Amino acid sequence: MTDLPTFVHADADFVTDRIAVGGGLSSHGMVAHQQIAELMDLGITHVADLRAEWSDADLVFERAPDITYLHHPVEDAGQTIPGEYFQTLADWATEALAQPNTKLLVHCHAGVNRGPSGAFTVLLAQGWGVREALEAIRAARPIAWIDYADDAIDWHLADADDAARTAAHEIVTEWRWHNHLPFNQAIRQTRPD
């Protein structure tokens, strides 16, 4: 997509005109306040925070009570994430995006794995193809690794036959091969705090 708004203060990137992906708010109060103001200015109405280690719910409620906030925590430890986790996120996002003029931010701490995997889930739920979703997220957020894409596919294609699931997993494997991102490079590209 072209001509998508650009975040200046918030650690986020628009994937579509209504779906953004990123990292958490700054731990510095004034910066976090600027980031929340920017989220509102760019029309973010819903935030899905996927961090298990922290939540900005109180701060967002205080500074932007009109933003609907979902704290949907998951660890970022390379574990298998169950399908129910993705289903809850997909249902919440689908309901949010069914309303006109809503915009959704899906984020984790650094915007490398959990947030991008959550955005991938939302795109799949919106009817996107696997490759298209991976490419859109990486184009928007070059540090996105989307480590839990395979788990999201297992959820998304739970009722599909083995051949369809295998084909989708092969797309992820091929995409990762062609879009390799060393972990230390991704971390260096995230914000300093």
N, C-alpha and C. Protein backbone atom coordinates (compact mmCIF):
# COMPACT_ATOMS: atom_id res chain seq x y z
N MET A 1 0.84 -1.17 0.00
CA MET A 1 0.00 0.00 0.00
C MET A 1 0.89 1.24 0.00
N THR A 2 0.36 2.29 -0.54
CA THR A 2 1.10 3.54 -0.57
C THR A 2 0.36 4.60 0.22
N ASP A 3 1.08 5.66 0.51
CA ASP A 3 0.50 6.82 1.19
C ASP A 3 -0.13 6.49 2.54
N LEU A 4 0.44 5.57 3.25
CA LEU A 4 -0.03 5.29 4.60
C LEU A 4 0.59 6.30 5.56
N PRO A 5 -0.13 6.68 6.61
CA PRO A 5 0.45 7.60 7.58
C PRO A 5 1.72 7.02 8.20
N THR A 6 2.60 7.89 8.63
CA THR A 6 3.85 7.48 9.25
C THR A 6 3.88 7.94 10.70
N PHE A 7 4.22 7.04 11.58
CA PHE A 7 4.38 7.38 12.99
C PHE A 7 5.75 8.04 13.17
N VAL A 8 5.79 9.11 13.93
CA VAL A 8 7.03 9.81 14.24
C VAL A 8 7.49 9.47 15.64
N HIS A 9 6.58 9.44 16.59
CA HIS A 9 6.92 9.19 17.99
C HIS A 9 6.68 7.74 18.41
N ALA A 10 5.58 7.19 18.00
CA ALA A 10 5.24 5.81 18.39
C ALA A 10 6.08 4.83 17.59
N ASP A 11 6.43 3.73 18.21
CA ASP A 11 7.20 2.67 17.56
C ASP A 11 6.22 1.75 16.84
N ALA A 12 5.68 2.24 15.72
CA ALA A 12 4.65 1.50 15.01
C ALA A 12 4.69 1.85 13.53
N ASP A 13 4.09 0.97 12.73
CA ASP A 13 4.03 1.16 11.29
C ASP A 13 2.68 0.64 10.79
N PHE A 14 2.07 1.38 9.88
CA PHE A 14 0.83 0.92 9.27
C PHE A 14 1.14 -0.15 8.24
N VAL A 15 0.42 -1.26 8.32
CA VAL A 15 0.49 -2.33 7.32
C VAL A 15 -0.57 -2.09 6.26
N THR A 16 -1.74 -1.68 6.70
CA THR A 16 -2.84 -1.27 5.82
C THR A 16 -3.32 0.08 6.35
N ASP A 17 -4.33 0.63 5.73
CA ASP A 17 -4.85 1.91 6.21
C ASP A 17 -5.57 1.78 7.55
N ARG A 18 -5.83 0.53 8.00
CA ARG A 18 -6.55 0.34 9.26
C ARG A 18 -5.83 -0.56 10.26
N ILE A 19 -4.72 -1.15 9.88
CA ILE A 19 -4.00 -2.08 10.75
C ILE A 19 -2.54 -1.65 10.86
N ALA A 20 -2.10 -1.42 12.10
CA ALA A 20 -0.71 -1.06 12.36
C ALA A 20 -0.09 -2.12 13.26
N VAL A 21 1.23 -2.20 13.21
CA VAL A 21 1.98 -3.16 14.02
C VAL A 21 3.16 -2.43 14.63
N GLY A 22 3.57 -2.86 15.83
CA GLY A 22 4.71 -2.18 16.42
C GLY A 22 5.14 -2.70 17.76
N GLY A 23 5.92 -1.86 18.43
CA GLY A 23 6.41 -2.14 19.76
C GLY A 23 5.65 -1.33 20.79
N GLY A 24 6.00 -1.52 22.05
CA GLY A 24 5.28 -0.88 23.14
C GLY A 24 5.59 0.60 23.29
N LEU A 25 4.86 1.22 24.19
CA LEU A 25 5.10 2.61 24.51
C LEU A 25 6.44 2.75 25.23
N SER A 26 7.00 3.92 25.14
CA SER A 26 8.26 4.21 25.82
C SER A 26 8.08 4.10 27.33
N SER A 27 9.15 3.78 28.01
CA SER A 27 9.13 3.75 29.47
C SER A 27 9.32 5.16 30.05
N HIS A 28 9.60 6.13 29.21
CA HIS A 28 9.76 7.52 29.63
C HIS A 28 8.41 8.23 29.50
N GLY A 29 7.90 8.73 30.61
CA GLY A 29 6.55 9.28 30.68
C GLY A 29 6.19 10.28 29.61
N MET A 30 7.01 11.32 29.41
CA MET A 30 6.68 12.35 28.43
C MET A 30 6.67 11.78 27.01
N VAL A 31 7.60 10.89 26.73
CA VAL A 31 7.64 10.27 25.40
C VAL A 31 6.40 9.40 25.21
N ALA A 32 6.04 8.64 26.22
CA ALA A 32 4.84 7.80 26.14
C ALA A 32 3.60 8.66 25.91
N HIS A 33 3.53 9.81 26.55
CA HIS A 33 2.39 10.71 26.36
C HIS A 33 2.34 11.20 24.91
N GLN A 34 3.51 11.55 24.34
CA GLN A 34 3.57 11.96 22.93
C GLN A 34 3.12 10.81 22.03
N GLN A 35 3.54 9.61 22.35
CA GLN A 35 3.18 8.45 21.53
C GLN A 35 1.67 8.21 21.56
N ILE A 36 1.08 8.30 22.74
CA ILE A 36 -0.37 8.10 22.84
C ILE A 36 -1.11 9.19 22.07
N ALA A 37 -0.65 10.43 22.18
CA ALA A 37 -1.27 11.52 21.42
C ALA A 37 -1.18 11.25 19.93
N GLU A 38 -0.03 10.73 19.49
CA GLU A 38 0.13 10.42 18.07
C GLU A 38 -0.79 9.28 17.64
N LEU A 39 -0.93 8.26 18.48
CA LEU A 39 -1.86 7.18 18.15
C LEU A 39 -3.25 7.75 17.90
N MET A 40 -3.69 8.63 18.78
CA MET A 40 -5.02 9.24 18.62
C MET A 40 -5.07 10.11 17.37
N ASP A 41 -4.02 10.91 17.14
CA ASP A 41 -3.99 11.79 15.97
C ASP A 41 -4.07 11.01 14.66
N LEU A 42 -3.48 9.81 14.65
CA LEU A 42 -3.49 8.99 13.44
C LEU A 42 -4.69 8.05 13.39
N GLY A 43 -5.60 8.21 14.34
CA GLY A 43 -6.87 7.51 14.27
C GLY A 43 -6.92 6.14 14.89
N ILE A 44 -5.89 5.75 15.65
CA ILE A 44 -5.93 4.43 16.30
C ILE A 44 -7.06 4.42 17.32
N THR A 45 -7.96 3.46 17.18
CA THR A 45 -9.11 3.34 18.08
C THR A 45 -9.04 2.10 18.95
N HIS A 46 -8.23 1.12 18.53
CA HIS A 46 -8.11 -0.16 19.24
C HIS A 46 -6.64 -0.56 19.33
N VAL A 47 -6.23 -0.99 20.50
CA VAL A 47 -4.86 -1.45 20.72
C VAL A 47 -4.90 -2.85 21.31
N ALA A 48 -4.19 -3.77 20.67
CA ALA A 48 -3.99 -5.12 21.20
C ALA A 48 -2.54 -5.22 21.66
N ASP A 49 -2.35 -5.31 22.96
CA ASP A 49 -1.02 -5.40 23.58
C ASP A 49 -0.78 -6.87 23.91
N LEU A 50 0.21 -7.47 23.25
CA LEU A 50 0.45 -8.90 23.37
C LEU A 50 1.57 -9.24 24.36
N ARG A 51 2.06 -8.28 25.10
CA ARG A 51 3.17 -8.51 26.03
C ARG A 51 2.69 -9.19 27.30
N ALA A 52 3.41 -10.21 27.72
CA ALA A 52 3.15 -10.83 29.02
C ALA A 52 3.88 -10.07 30.12
N GLU A 53 4.95 -9.40 29.75
CA GLU A 53 5.83 -8.78 30.74
C GLU A 53 5.40 -7.38 31.16
N TRP A 54 4.42 -6.80 30.49
CA TRP A 54 4.03 -5.44 30.81
C TRP A 54 2.68 -5.14 30.19
N SER A 55 2.02 -4.13 30.70
CA SER A 55 0.77 -3.63 30.12
C SER A 55 0.73 -2.13 30.28
N ASP A 56 0.29 -1.45 29.24
CA ASP A 56 0.11 -0.01 29.29
C ASP A 56 -1.36 0.36 29.47
N ALA A 57 -2.17 -0.59 29.92
CA ALA A 57 -3.62 -0.36 30.01
C ALA A 57 -3.96 0.86 30.85
N ASP A 58 -3.36 1.00 32.02
CA ASP A 58 -3.69 2.13 32.89
C ASP A 58 -3.31 3.46 32.24
N LEU A 59 -2.13 3.51 31.64
CA LEU A 59 -1.67 4.74 31.00
C LEU A 59 -2.56 5.10 29.82
N VAL A 60 -2.89 4.13 28.99
CA VAL A 60 -3.74 4.40 27.83
C VAL A 60 -5.13 4.84 28.30
N PHE A 61 -5.67 4.17 29.30
CA PHE A 61 -6.99 4.55 29.81
C PHE A 61 -6.97 5.98 30.35
N GLU A 62 -5.88 6.33 31.03
CA GLU A 62 -5.77 7.68 31.60
C GLU A 62 -5.64 8.74 30.52
N ARG A 63 -4.80 8.49 29.52
CA ARG A 63 -4.48 9.50 28.50
C ARG A 63 -5.42 9.45 27.30
N ALA A 64 -6.01 8.29 27.03
CA ALA A 64 -6.85 8.11 25.83
C ALA A 64 -7.99 7.15 26.14
N PRO A 65 -8.94 7.57 26.98
CA PRO A 65 -10.00 6.65 27.40
C PRO A 65 -10.89 6.15 26.27
N ASP A 66 -10.84 6.81 25.12
CA ASP A 66 -11.66 6.35 23.99
C ASP A 66 -11.01 5.20 23.22
N ILE A 67 -9.75 4.92 23.48
CA ILE A 67 -9.10 3.79 22.82
C ILE A 67 -9.51 2.51 23.53
N THR A 68 -9.96 1.55 22.75
CA THR A 68 -10.30 0.22 23.29
C THR A 68 -9.01 -0.57 23.38
N TYR A 69 -8.72 -1.08 24.57
CA TYR A 69 -7.42 -1.71 24.85
C TYR A 69 -7.62 -3.17 25.23
N LEU A 70 -6.97 -4.05 24.51
CA LEU A 70 -6.97 -5.47 24.83
C LEU A 70 -5.57 -5.87 25.28
N HIS A 71 -5.46 -6.31 26.52
CA HIS A 71 -4.19 -6.89 26.96
C HIS A 71 -4.35 -8.39 26.79
N HIS A 72 -3.66 -8.92 25.79
CA HIS A 72 -3.78 -10.34 25.42
C HIS A 72 -2.38 -10.95 25.51
N PRO A 73 -1.91 -11.22 26.73
CA PRO A 73 -0.50 -11.53 26.94
C PRO A 73 -0.08 -12.92 26.46
N VAL A 74 1.14 -12.95 25.95
CA VAL A 74 1.80 -14.21 25.60
C VAL A 74 3.30 -14.00 25.77
N GLU A 75 3.97 -15.01 26.28
CA GLU A 75 5.43 -14.96 26.40
C GLU A 75 6.06 -15.01 25.01
N ASP A 76 7.25 -14.46 24.89
CA ASP A 76 8.02 -14.54 23.64
C ASP A 76 9.23 -15.43 23.91
N ALA A 77 8.96 -16.73 23.98
CA ALA A 77 10.01 -17.68 24.34
C ALA A 77 10.18 -18.78 23.30
N GLY A 78 9.61 -18.58 22.12
CA GLY A 78 9.73 -19.57 21.07
C GLY A 78 8.83 -20.78 21.24
N GLN A 79 7.92 -20.70 22.18
CA GLN A 79 7.01 -21.81 22.46
C GLN A 79 5.92 -21.91 21.38
N THR A 80 5.23 -23.04 21.37
CA THR A 80 4.06 -23.18 20.52
C THR A 80 2.91 -22.42 21.18
N ILE A 81 2.24 -21.60 20.39
CA ILE A 81 1.10 -20.84 20.89
C ILE A 81 -0.17 -21.55 20.43
N PRO A 82 -1.08 -21.85 21.36
CA PRO A 82 -2.28 -22.60 21.00
C PRO A 82 -3.24 -21.79 20.13
N GLY A 83 -4.03 -22.51 19.36
CA GLY A 83 -4.98 -21.89 18.45
C GLY A 83 -5.97 -20.97 19.13
N GLU A 84 -6.36 -21.29 20.36
CA GLU A 84 -7.33 -20.46 21.08
C GLU A 84 -6.81 -19.03 21.25
N TYR A 85 -5.52 -18.90 21.43
CA TYR A 85 -4.93 -17.57 21.57
C TYR A 85 -5.19 -16.74 20.32
N PHE A 86 -4.90 -17.33 19.16
CA PHE A 86 -5.10 -16.62 17.90
C PHE A 86 -6.58 -16.36 17.64
N GLN A 87 -7.43 -17.32 18.00
CA GLN A 87 -8.87 -17.15 17.78
C GLN A 87 -9.40 -15.96 18.56
N THR A 88 -8.99 -15.83 19.81
CA THR A 88 -9.44 -14.70 20.63
C THR A 88 -9.01 -13.38 20.00
N LEU A 89 -7.76 -13.30 19.57
CA LEU A 89 -7.26 -12.08 18.93
C LEU A 89 -8.01 -11.80 17.63
N ALA A 90 -8.19 -12.83 16.81
CA ALA A 90 -8.88 -12.66 15.53
C ALA A 90 -10.32 -12.20 15.73
N ASP A 91 -11.01 -12.79 16.70
CA ASP A 91 -12.40 -12.40 16.97
C ASP A 91 -12.47 -10.94 17.41
N TRP A 92 -11.58 -10.54 18.31
CA TRP A 92 -11.55 -9.17 18.81
C TRP A 92 -11.27 -8.19 17.66
N ALA A 93 -10.27 -8.50 16.85
CA ALA A 93 -9.90 -7.61 15.74
C ALA A 93 -10.99 -7.55 14.69
N THR A 94 -11.60 -8.68 14.38
CA THR A 94 -12.67 -8.71 13.38
C THR A 94 -13.85 -7.86 13.83
N GLU A 95 -14.19 -7.96 15.10
CA GLU A 95 -15.28 -7.14 15.64
C GLU A 95 -14.90 -5.65 15.58
N ALA A 96 -13.67 -5.34 15.92
CA ALA A 96 -13.22 -3.94 15.87
C ALA A 96 -13.26 -3.40 14.44
N LEU A 97 -12.74 -4.17 13.50
CA LEU A 97 -12.65 -3.71 12.11
C LEU A 97 -13.99 -3.72 11.40
N ALA A 98 -15.00 -4.37 11.97
CA ALA A 98 -16.34 -4.35 11.39
C ALA A 98 -16.99 -2.98 11.58
N GLN A 99 -16.48 -2.21 12.52
CA GLN A 99 -17.00 -0.87 12.76
C GLN A 99 -16.31 0.11 11.80
N PRO A 100 -17.08 1.02 11.22
CA PRO A 100 -16.45 1.98 10.29
C PRO A 100 -15.49 2.90 11.03
N ASN A 101 -14.44 3.29 10.33
CA ASN A 101 -13.48 4.28 10.81
C ASN A 101 -12.63 3.83 11.99
N THR A 102 -12.56 2.54 12.26
CA THR A 102 -11.68 2.06 13.32
C THR A 102 -10.31 1.75 12.74
N LYS A 103 -9.31 1.90 13.58
CA LYS A 103 -7.94 1.53 13.23
C LYS A 103 -7.35 0.79 14.41
N LEU A 104 -6.60 -0.24 14.09
CA LEU A 104 -6.12 -1.19 15.09
C LEU A 104 -4.59 -1.19 15.11
N LEU A 105 -4.02 -1.17 16.31
CA LEU A 105 -2.58 -1.36 16.52
C LEU A 105 -2.38 -2.66 17.28
N VAL A 106 -1.59 -3.56 16.71
CA VAL A 106 -1.22 -4.81 17.38
C VAL A 106 0.26 -4.69 17.72
N HIS A 107 0.60 -4.81 19.00
CA HIS A 107 2.00 -4.60 19.36
C HIS A 107 2.46 -5.54 20.47
N CYS A 108 3.78 -5.63 20.57
CA CYS A 108 4.44 -6.36 21.66
C CYS A 108 5.49 -5.41 22.24
N HIS A 109 6.59 -5.92 22.71
CA HIS A 109 7.62 -5.04 23.28
C HIS A 109 8.44 -4.34 22.19
N ALA A 110 9.02 -5.12 21.29
CA ALA A 110 9.90 -4.56 20.27
C ALA A 110 9.31 -4.58 18.87
N GLY A 111 8.20 -5.26 18.68
CA GLY A 111 7.59 -5.31 17.35
C GLY A 111 8.33 -6.21 16.39
N VAL A 112 8.92 -7.28 16.92
CA VAL A 112 9.67 -8.22 16.08
C VAL A 112 8.90 -9.53 15.90
N ASN A 113 8.41 -10.11 16.97
CA ASN A 113 7.76 -11.42 16.89
C ASN A 113 6.28 -11.42 17.22
N ARG A 114 5.94 -11.14 18.46
CA ARG A 114 4.54 -11.28 18.89
C ARG A 114 3.61 -10.30 18.18
N GLY A 115 3.97 -9.02 18.15
CA GLY A 115 3.12 -8.04 17.48
C GLY A 115 2.94 -8.35 16.00
N PRO A 116 4.03 -8.58 15.26
CA PRO A 116 3.88 -8.95 13.86
C PRO A 116 3.13 -10.28 13.67
N SER A 117 3.32 -11.24 14.56
CA SER A 117 2.55 -12.49 14.46
C SER A 117 1.07 -12.23 14.72
N GLY A 118 0.78 -11.30 15.63
CA GLY A 118 -0.60 -10.92 15.86
C GLY A 118 -1.20 -10.21 14.66
N ALA A 119 -0.44 -9.31 14.04
CA ALA A 119 -0.92 -8.64 12.83
C ALA A 119 -1.13 -9.66 11.71
N PHE A 120 -0.25 -10.63 11.61
CA PHE A 120 -0.40 -11.72 10.63
C PHE A 120 -1.72 -12.45 10.85
N THR A 121 -2.02 -12.73 12.11
CA THR A 121 -3.28 -13.39 12.47
C THR A 121 -4.47 -12.56 12.01
N VAL A 122 -4.42 -11.26 12.28
CA VAL A 122 -5.52 -10.37 11.89
C VAL A 122 -5.67 -10.35 10.38
N LEU A 123 -4.57 -10.26 9.65
CA LEU A 123 -4.65 -10.26 8.19
C LEU A 123 -5.23 -11.57 7.67
N LEU A 124 -4.80 -12.70 8.22
CA LEU A 124 -5.38 -13.99 7.81
C LEU A 124 -6.89 -13.99 8.06
N ALA A 125 -7.30 -13.50 9.22
CA ALA A 125 -8.73 -13.45 9.55
C ALA A 125 -9.50 -12.53 8.61
N GLN A 126 -8.80 -11.55 8.03
CA GLN A 126 -9.44 -10.63 7.09
C GLN A 126 -9.41 -11.16 5.66
N GLY A 127 -8.88 -12.37 5.47
CA GLY A 127 -8.91 -13.00 4.16
C GLY A 127 -7.64 -12.89 3.34
N TRP A 128 -6.58 -12.38 3.94
CA TRP A 128 -5.32 -12.26 3.22
C TRP A 128 -4.68 -13.64 3.05
N GLY A 129 -3.89 -13.78 2.00
CA GLY A 129 -3.09 -14.98 1.81
C GLY A 129 -1.85 -14.94 2.68
N VAL A 130 -1.25 -16.09 2.90
CA VAL A 130 -0.08 -16.20 3.77
C VAL A 130 1.07 -15.34 3.26
N ARG A 131 1.46 -15.52 2.02
CA ARG A 131 2.60 -14.78 1.47
C ARG A 131 2.32 -13.27 1.46
N GLU A 132 1.12 -12.90 1.04
CA GLU A 132 0.77 -11.48 0.97
C GLU A 132 0.84 -10.82 2.35
N ALA A 133 0.37 -11.54 3.36
CA ALA A 133 0.39 -11.00 4.72
C ALA A 133 1.83 -10.85 5.22
N LEU A 134 2.65 -11.88 5.02
CA LEU A 134 4.05 -11.81 5.44
C LEU A 134 4.76 -10.64 4.76
N GLU A 135 4.57 -10.51 3.46
CA GLU A 135 5.24 -9.47 2.70
C GLU A 135 4.77 -8.08 3.10
N ALA A 136 3.48 -7.93 3.36
CA ALA A 136 2.95 -6.62 3.76
C ALA A 136 3.51 -6.20 5.11
N ILE A 137 3.58 -7.14 6.03
CA ILE A 137 4.11 -6.82 7.36
C ILE A 137 5.58 -6.45 7.28
N ARG A 138 6.36 -7.23 6.55
CA ARG A 138 7.80 -6.93 6.43
C ARG A 138 8.03 -5.62 5.68
N ALA A 139 7.22 -5.34 4.67
CA ALA A 139 7.37 -4.08 3.94
C ALA A 139 7.10 -2.89 4.86
N ALA A 140 6.12 -3.04 5.74
CA ALA A 140 5.79 -1.96 6.67
C ALA A 140 6.79 -1.87 7.81
N ARG A 141 7.25 -3.02 8.27
CA ARG A 141 8.11 -3.09 9.46
C ARG A 141 9.29 -4.01 9.16
N PRO A 142 10.38 -3.46 8.66
CA PRO A 142 11.52 -4.27 8.22
C PRO A 142 12.14 -5.15 9.29
N ILE A 143 11.90 -4.87 10.58
CA ILE A 143 12.46 -5.71 11.64
C ILE A 143 11.53 -6.86 12.04
N ALA A 144 10.39 -6.98 11.38
CA ALA A 144 9.44 -8.04 11.73
C ALA A 144 9.98 -9.41 11.30
N TRP A 145 10.01 -10.34 12.24
CA TRP A 145 10.41 -11.71 11.96
C TRP A 145 9.20 -12.64 11.92
N ILE A 146 8.18 -12.31 12.68
CA ILE A 146 6.90 -13.03 12.66
C ILE A 146 7.12 -14.49 13.06
N ASP A 147 7.80 -14.68 14.16
CA ASP A 147 8.24 -16.00 14.60
C ASP A 147 7.11 -16.99 14.83
N TYR A 148 5.92 -16.50 15.14
CA TYR A 148 4.80 -17.40 15.45
C TYR A 148 3.85 -17.58 14.27
N ALA A 149 4.32 -17.28 13.07
CA ALA A 149 3.48 -17.42 11.87
C ALA A 149 3.02 -18.86 11.68
N ASP A 150 3.89 -19.83 11.95
CA ASP A 150 3.49 -21.23 11.77
C ASP A 150 2.36 -21.62 12.73
N ASP A 151 2.42 -21.13 13.96
CA ASP A 151 1.34 -21.41 14.91
C ASP A 151 0.04 -20.76 14.46
N ALA A 152 0.14 -19.54 13.92
CA ALA A 152 -1.06 -18.86 13.41
C ALA A 152 -1.66 -19.63 12.24
N ILE A 153 -0.80 -20.18 11.40
CA ILE A 153 -1.29 -20.99 10.27
C ILE A 153 -2.00 -22.24 10.79
N ASP A 154 -1.42 -22.89 11.79
CA ASP A 154 -2.08 -24.08 12.35
C ASP A 154 -3.48 -23.74 12.86
N TRP A 155 -3.62 -22.56 13.47
CA TRP A 155 -4.94 -22.11 13.92
C TRP A 155 -5.84 -21.83 12.72
N HIS A 156 -5.33 -21.03 11.79
CA HIS A 156 -6.13 -20.56 10.65
C HIS A 156 -6.60 -21.72 9.77
N LEU A 157 -5.77 -22.72 9.62
CA LEU A 157 -6.08 -23.84 8.74
C LEU A 157 -6.39 -25.11 9.52
N ALA A 158 -6.88 -24.97 10.73
CA ALA A 158 -7.17 -26.13 11.58
C ALA A 158 -8.14 -27.10 10.93
N ASP A 159 -9.07 -26.58 10.14
CA ASP A 159 -10.06 -27.44 9.49
C ASP A 159 -9.68 -27.81 8.07
N ALA A 160 -8.53 -27.36 7.61
CA ALA A 160 -8.08 -27.67 6.25
C ALA A 160 -7.38 -29.03 6.24
N ASP A 161 -7.16 -29.54 5.04
CA ASP A 161 -6.46 -30.82 4.95
C ASP A 161 -4.96 -30.62 5.14
N ASP A 162 -4.26 -31.72 5.34
CA ASP A 162 -2.81 -31.67 5.59
C ASP A 162 -2.06 -30.99 4.46
N ALA A 163 -2.50 -31.21 3.22
CA ALA A 163 -1.81 -30.62 2.08
C ALA A 163 -1.87 -29.09 2.12
N ALA A 164 -3.00 -28.55 2.50
CA ALA A 164 -3.14 -27.08 2.58
C ALA A 164 -2.26 -26.51 3.68
N ARG A 165 -2.24 -27.18 4.83
CA ARG A 165 -1.39 -26.71 5.93
C ARG A 165 0.09 -26.81 5.55
N THR A 166 0.46 -27.92 4.94
CA THR A 166 1.85 -28.10 4.53
C THR A 166 2.26 -27.03 3.53
N ALA A 167 1.40 -26.74 2.57
CA ALA A 167 1.69 -25.71 1.57
C ALA A 167 1.87 -24.34 2.23
N ALA A 168 1.03 -24.03 3.20
CA ALA A 168 1.13 -22.74 3.89
C ALA A 168 2.43 -22.66 4.70
N HIS A 169 2.79 -23.75 5.37
CA HIS A 169 4.05 -23.77 6.13
C HIS A 169 5.25 -23.64 5.19
N GLU A 170 5.16 -24.23 4.02
CA GLU A 170 6.25 -24.10 3.04
C GLU A 170 6.41 -22.66 2.57
N ILE A 171 5.29 -21.94 2.46
CA ILE A 171 5.37 -20.52 2.10
C ILE A 171 6.14 -19.75 3.16
N VAL A 172 5.85 -20.03 4.43
CA VAL A 172 6.56 -19.35 5.53
C VAL A 172 8.05 -19.69 5.48
N THR A 173 8.37 -20.97 5.31
CA THR A 173 9.77 -21.39 5.26
C THR A 173 10.50 -20.71 4.11
N GLU A 174 9.89 -20.68 2.95
CA GLU A 174 10.50 -20.04 1.78
C GLU A 174 10.65 -18.53 2.02
N TRP A 175 9.62 -17.92 2.57
CA TRP A 175 9.67 -16.48 2.84
C TRP A 175 10.82 -16.16 3.80
N ARG A 176 10.96 -16.96 4.84
CA ARG A 176 12.04 -16.72 5.81
C ARG A 176 13.42 -16.91 5.15
N TRP A 177 13.52 -17.88 4.28
CA TRP A 177 14.79 -18.12 3.59
C TRP A 177 15.18 -16.90 2.76
N HIS A 178 14.19 -16.32 2.07
CA HIS A 178 14.47 -15.17 1.21
C HIS A 178 14.48 -13.84 1.96
N ASN A 179 14.04 -13.83 3.18
CA ASN A 179 13.94 -12.59 3.96
C ASN A 179 14.64 -12.73 5.30
N HIS A 180 15.77 -13.41 5.29
CA HIS A 180 16.50 -13.68 6.52
C HIS A 180 16.82 -12.37 7.24
N LEU A 181 16.64 -12.39 8.55
CA LEU A 181 16.95 -11.24 9.38
C LEU A 181 17.62 -11.75 10.65
N PRO A 182 18.94 -11.57 10.77
CA PRO A 182 19.60 -12.01 12.00
C PRO A 182 18.99 -11.31 13.20
N PHE A 183 18.78 -12.06 14.26
CA PHE A 183 18.12 -11.52 15.44
C PHE A 183 18.82 -10.27 15.97
N ASN A 184 20.16 -10.31 16.02
CA ASN A 184 20.88 -9.15 16.55
C ASN A 184 20.67 -7.91 15.68
N GLN A 185 20.48 -8.11 14.38
CA GLN A 185 20.19 -6.98 13.49
C GLN A 185 18.82 -6.39 13.80
N ALA A 186 17.85 -7.25 14.04
CA ALA A 186 16.50 -6.78 14.38
C ALA A 186 16.52 -5.99 15.67
N ILE A 187 17.23 -6.49 16.66
CA ILE A 187 17.28 -5.81 17.96
C ILE A 187 17.97 -4.46 17.83
N ARG A 188 19.04 -4.38 17.04
CA ARG A 188 19.73 -3.09 16.86
C ARG A 188 18.83 -2.06 16.20
N GLN A 189 17.87 -2.52 15.40
CA GLN A 189 17.00 -1.59 14.68
C GLN A 189 15.81 -1.13 15.52
N THR A 190 15.60 -1.72 16.69
CA THR A 190 14.49 -1.29 17.53
C THR A 190 14.89 -0.04 18.29
N ARG A 191 13.93 0.58 18.88
CA ARG A 191 14.20 1.84 19.60
C ARG A 191 15.13 1.59 20.79
N PRO A 192 15.89 2.60 21.22
CA PRO A 192 16.91 2.40 22.24
C PRO A 192 16.38 2.15 23.64
N ASP A 193 15.13 2.46 23.96
CA ASP A 193 14.68 2.26 25.34
C ASP A 193 13.93 0.97 25.45
